[in-house]
N, C-alpha and C. Protein backbone atom coordinates (compact mmCIF):
# COMPACT_ATOMS: atom_id res chain seq x y z
N MET A 1 4.26 12.48 -9.24
CA MET A 1 4.05 11.23 -9.45
C MET A 1 5.40 10.33 -8.91
N SER A 2 5.06 9.32 -8.28
CA SER A 2 6.26 8.43 -7.77
C SER A 2 6.52 7.30 -8.66
N ASN A 3 7.86 7.13 -8.91
CA ASN A 3 8.30 5.93 -9.71
C ASN A 3 8.46 4.54 -9.06
N LYS A 4 8.27 4.77 -7.63
CA LYS A 4 8.46 3.49 -6.73
C LYS A 4 7.37 2.60 -6.87
N ILE A 5 7.74 1.35 -6.68
CA ILE A 5 6.65 0.30 -6.84
C ILE A 5 6.21 0.04 -5.45
N LYS A 6 4.87 0.22 -5.38
CA LYS A 6 4.06 -0.03 -4.18
C LYS A 6 4.06 -1.58 -3.87
N THR A 7 4.71 -1.88 -2.80
CA THR A 7 4.88 -3.33 -2.43
C THR A 7 4.38 -3.79 -1.17
N ALA A 8 3.74 -4.95 -1.24
CA ALA A 8 3.12 -5.57 -0.02
C ALA A 8 3.92 -6.88 0.23
N LEU A 9 3.98 -7.21 1.42
CA LEU A 9 4.59 -8.46 1.83
C LEU A 9 3.54 -9.29 2.48
N ILE A 10 3.42 -10.60 1.95
CA ILE A 10 2.34 -11.49 2.46
C ILE A 10 3.12 -12.53 3.31
N GLY A 11 3.05 -12.52 4.46
CA GLY A 11 3.76 -13.43 5.38
C GLY A 11 4.91 -12.72 5.99
N ILE A 12 4.71 -12.07 7.26
CA ILE A 12 5.81 -11.43 7.95
C ILE A 12 6.38 -12.14 9.11
N GLY A 13 5.93 -13.34 9.51
CA GLY A 13 6.43 -14.21 10.49
C GLY A 13 7.43 -15.07 9.80
N GLY A 14 8.30 -15.69 10.63
CA GLY A 14 9.25 -16.77 10.10
C GLY A 14 10.11 -16.11 9.13
N TYR A 15 10.12 -16.87 7.86
CA TYR A 15 10.97 -16.45 6.79
C TYR A 15 10.71 -15.10 6.29
N GLY A 16 9.48 -14.46 6.58
CA GLY A 16 9.21 -13.20 6.09
C GLY A 16 10.10 -12.12 6.74
N ASP A 17 10.67 -12.46 7.91
CA ASP A 17 11.65 -11.58 8.67
C ASP A 17 12.73 -11.09 7.69
N ALA A 18 13.33 -12.06 6.88
CA ALA A 18 14.46 -11.94 6.04
C ALA A 18 14.05 -10.83 4.91
N TYR A 19 12.72 -11.00 4.45
CA TYR A 19 12.18 -10.10 3.41
C TYR A 19 12.03 -8.71 3.94
N LEU A 20 11.46 -8.63 5.30
CA LEU A 20 11.29 -7.35 5.94
C LEU A 20 12.67 -6.60 6.12
N ALA A 21 13.70 -7.37 6.37
CA ALA A 21 14.93 -6.61 6.60
C ALA A 21 15.39 -5.98 5.38
N ALA A 22 15.01 -6.59 4.13
CA ALA A 22 15.49 -6.05 2.86
C ALA A 22 14.61 -4.75 2.56
N LEU A 23 13.26 -5.01 2.73
CA LEU A 23 12.27 -3.95 2.44
C LEU A 23 12.52 -2.73 3.40
N LEU A 24 12.85 -2.96 4.62
CA LEU A 24 13.01 -1.85 5.54
C LEU A 24 14.30 -1.21 5.63
N HIS A 25 15.30 -1.96 5.25
CA HIS A 25 16.77 -1.37 5.44
C HIS A 25 17.69 -1.46 4.23
N ASP A 26 17.35 -2.20 3.31
CA ASP A 26 18.33 -2.43 2.16
C ASP A 26 18.22 -1.24 1.16
N PRO A 27 19.40 -0.59 0.95
CA PRO A 27 19.29 0.50 0.04
C PRO A 27 19.16 0.05 -1.35
N LYS A 28 19.35 -1.20 -1.83
CA LYS A 28 18.95 -1.73 -3.15
C LYS A 28 17.54 -1.71 -3.29
N SER A 29 16.80 -1.71 -2.30
CA SER A 29 15.28 -1.75 -2.51
C SER A 29 14.68 -0.38 -2.66
N ALA A 30 15.57 0.66 -3.02
CA ALA A 30 15.15 1.98 -3.16
C ALA A 30 13.95 2.16 -4.12
N GLY A 31 13.88 1.25 -5.14
CA GLY A 31 12.83 1.25 -6.09
C GLY A 31 11.57 0.99 -5.61
N ALA A 32 11.50 0.29 -4.32
CA ALA A 32 10.20 -0.22 -3.86
C ALA A 32 9.77 0.66 -2.71
N GLU A 33 8.46 0.79 -2.57
CA GLU A 33 7.88 1.52 -1.40
C GLU A 33 7.03 0.52 -0.72
N PHE A 34 7.49 0.09 0.48
CA PHE A 34 6.84 -1.03 1.40
C PHE A 34 5.56 -0.29 2.06
N ILE A 35 4.35 -0.63 1.45
CA ILE A 35 3.15 0.03 1.84
C ILE A 35 2.26 -0.83 2.87
N ALA A 36 2.42 -2.20 2.80
CA ALA A 36 1.54 -3.00 3.62
C ALA A 36 2.04 -4.34 3.80
N ALA A 37 1.45 -5.09 4.75
CA ALA A 37 1.79 -6.35 4.92
C ALA A 37 0.47 -7.28 5.26
N VAL A 38 0.57 -8.56 5.07
CA VAL A 38 -0.57 -9.44 5.32
C VAL A 38 0.06 -10.52 6.32
N GLU A 39 -0.69 -10.73 7.45
CA GLU A 39 -0.15 -11.76 8.39
C GLU A 39 -1.48 -12.01 9.28
N PRO A 40 -2.09 -13.40 9.30
CA PRO A 40 -3.01 -13.70 10.11
C PRO A 40 -2.62 -13.70 11.52
N ASN A 41 -1.40 -14.00 11.91
CA ASN A 41 -0.88 -14.00 13.22
C ASN A 41 0.26 -13.09 13.44
N PRO A 42 -0.01 -11.65 13.47
CA PRO A 42 1.15 -10.75 13.51
C PRO A 42 1.92 -10.86 14.80
N ASP A 43 1.50 -11.52 15.81
CA ASP A 43 2.48 -11.61 16.98
C ASP A 43 3.70 -12.53 16.69
N ARG A 44 3.75 -13.19 15.59
CA ARG A 44 4.85 -14.00 15.14
C ARG A 44 5.96 -13.06 14.52
N CYS A 45 5.64 -11.86 14.24
CA CYS A 45 6.60 -11.01 13.57
C CYS A 45 7.45 -10.37 14.65
N ARG A 46 8.87 -10.48 14.55
CA ARG A 46 9.75 -9.88 15.27
C ARG A 46 9.99 -8.43 15.11
N ARG A 47 9.58 -7.92 13.94
CA ARG A 47 9.64 -6.39 13.60
C ARG A 47 8.44 -5.68 13.77
N MET A 48 7.48 -6.08 14.51
CA MET A 48 6.15 -5.48 14.64
C MET A 48 6.23 -4.03 15.14
N ASP A 49 7.10 -3.79 16.11
CA ASP A 49 7.34 -2.46 16.64
C ASP A 49 7.78 -1.58 15.55
N GLU A 50 8.72 -1.91 14.75
CA GLU A 50 9.21 -1.22 13.69
C GLU A 50 8.13 -0.90 12.67
N LEU A 51 7.30 -1.92 12.31
CA LEU A 51 6.30 -1.79 11.22
C LEU A 51 5.27 -0.71 11.92
N LYS A 52 4.88 -0.85 13.14
CA LYS A 52 4.01 0.25 13.81
C LYS A 52 4.63 1.61 13.75
N ALA A 53 5.81 1.62 14.16
CA ALA A 53 6.47 3.01 14.12
C ALA A 53 6.46 3.63 12.64
N ARG A 54 6.54 2.72 11.54
CA ARG A 54 6.46 3.27 10.24
C ARG A 54 5.09 3.45 9.80
N ARG A 55 4.09 3.04 10.65
CA ARG A 55 2.70 3.08 10.18
C ARG A 55 2.41 2.22 8.92
N ILE A 56 2.90 1.05 8.86
CA ILE A 56 2.85 0.13 7.75
C ILE A 56 1.65 -0.79 8.26
N PRO A 57 0.33 -0.70 7.53
CA PRO A 57 -0.68 -1.48 7.97
C PRO A 57 -0.48 -2.93 7.82
N ILE A 58 -1.04 -3.77 8.64
CA ILE A 58 -0.92 -5.18 8.65
C ILE A 58 -2.36 -5.68 8.53
N TYR A 59 -2.67 -6.48 7.41
CA TYR A 59 -4.01 -6.93 7.11
C TYR A 59 -3.96 -8.47 7.38
N PRO A 60 -5.30 -8.91 7.86
CA PRO A 60 -5.30 -10.35 8.16
C PRO A 60 -5.29 -11.31 7.06
N ASP A 61 -5.68 -10.79 5.86
CA ASP A 61 -5.66 -11.70 4.74
C ASP A 61 -5.58 -10.93 3.44
N ILE A 62 -5.40 -11.57 2.29
CA ILE A 62 -4.97 -10.90 1.04
C ILE A 62 -6.21 -10.16 0.59
N GLU A 63 -7.48 -10.68 0.75
CA GLU A 63 -8.64 -10.03 0.33
C GLU A 63 -8.72 -8.57 0.91
N GLU A 64 -8.53 -8.49 2.20
CA GLU A 64 -8.60 -7.18 2.89
C GLU A 64 -7.46 -6.31 2.42
N LEU A 65 -6.35 -6.79 2.21
CA LEU A 65 -5.29 -5.90 1.61
C LEU A 65 -5.71 -5.21 0.25
N PHE A 66 -6.26 -6.16 -0.72
CA PHE A 66 -6.65 -5.57 -1.94
C PHE A 66 -7.93 -4.70 -1.97
N LYS A 67 -8.71 -4.90 -0.82
CA LYS A 67 -9.92 -3.94 -0.52
C LYS A 67 -9.27 -2.49 -0.19
N ARG A 68 -8.26 -2.45 0.50
CA ARG A 68 -7.87 -1.26 1.27
C ARG A 68 -6.63 -0.60 0.69
N ALA A 69 -5.86 -1.23 -0.11
CA ALA A 69 -4.52 -0.64 -0.56
C ALA A 69 -4.41 -0.89 -2.04
N GLU A 70 -3.76 0.01 -2.73
CA GLU A 70 -3.31 0.00 -4.06
C GLU A 70 -1.91 -0.50 -4.15
N VAL A 71 -1.81 -1.82 -4.61
CA VAL A 71 -0.46 -2.46 -4.63
C VAL A 71 -0.07 -2.74 -6.06
N ASP A 72 1.26 -2.48 -6.32
CA ASP A 72 1.79 -2.85 -7.60
C ASP A 72 2.35 -4.25 -7.58
N LEU A 73 2.95 -4.61 -6.51
CA LEU A 73 3.70 -5.82 -6.29
C LEU A 73 3.34 -6.44 -5.03
N ALA A 74 2.92 -7.77 -4.96
CA ALA A 74 2.63 -8.47 -3.80
C ALA A 74 3.66 -9.60 -3.64
N MET A 75 4.39 -9.72 -2.61
CA MET A 75 5.37 -10.71 -2.53
C MET A 75 4.87 -11.81 -1.54
N ILE A 76 4.87 -13.03 -1.90
CA ILE A 76 4.24 -14.04 -0.96
C ILE A 76 5.45 -14.85 -0.43
N VAL A 77 5.48 -14.91 1.03
CA VAL A 77 6.60 -15.66 1.52
C VAL A 77 6.11 -17.07 1.93
């Protein structure tokens, strides 16, 4: 059993980039497991290559996220 909080980020373009930096690289976020993102326009995300490399799914809307992923925490940017 994992004690990590399954975290999704809603909005990965624009200001979402700062949140992505923390979720992907900040050792303080060790209690969080970044499992998914929501973005209707994923081409706006500067870190898309890294998200793809880590196999983090990008959903087009919140409804699709909650249909397909078990999330403990959803952060809205």
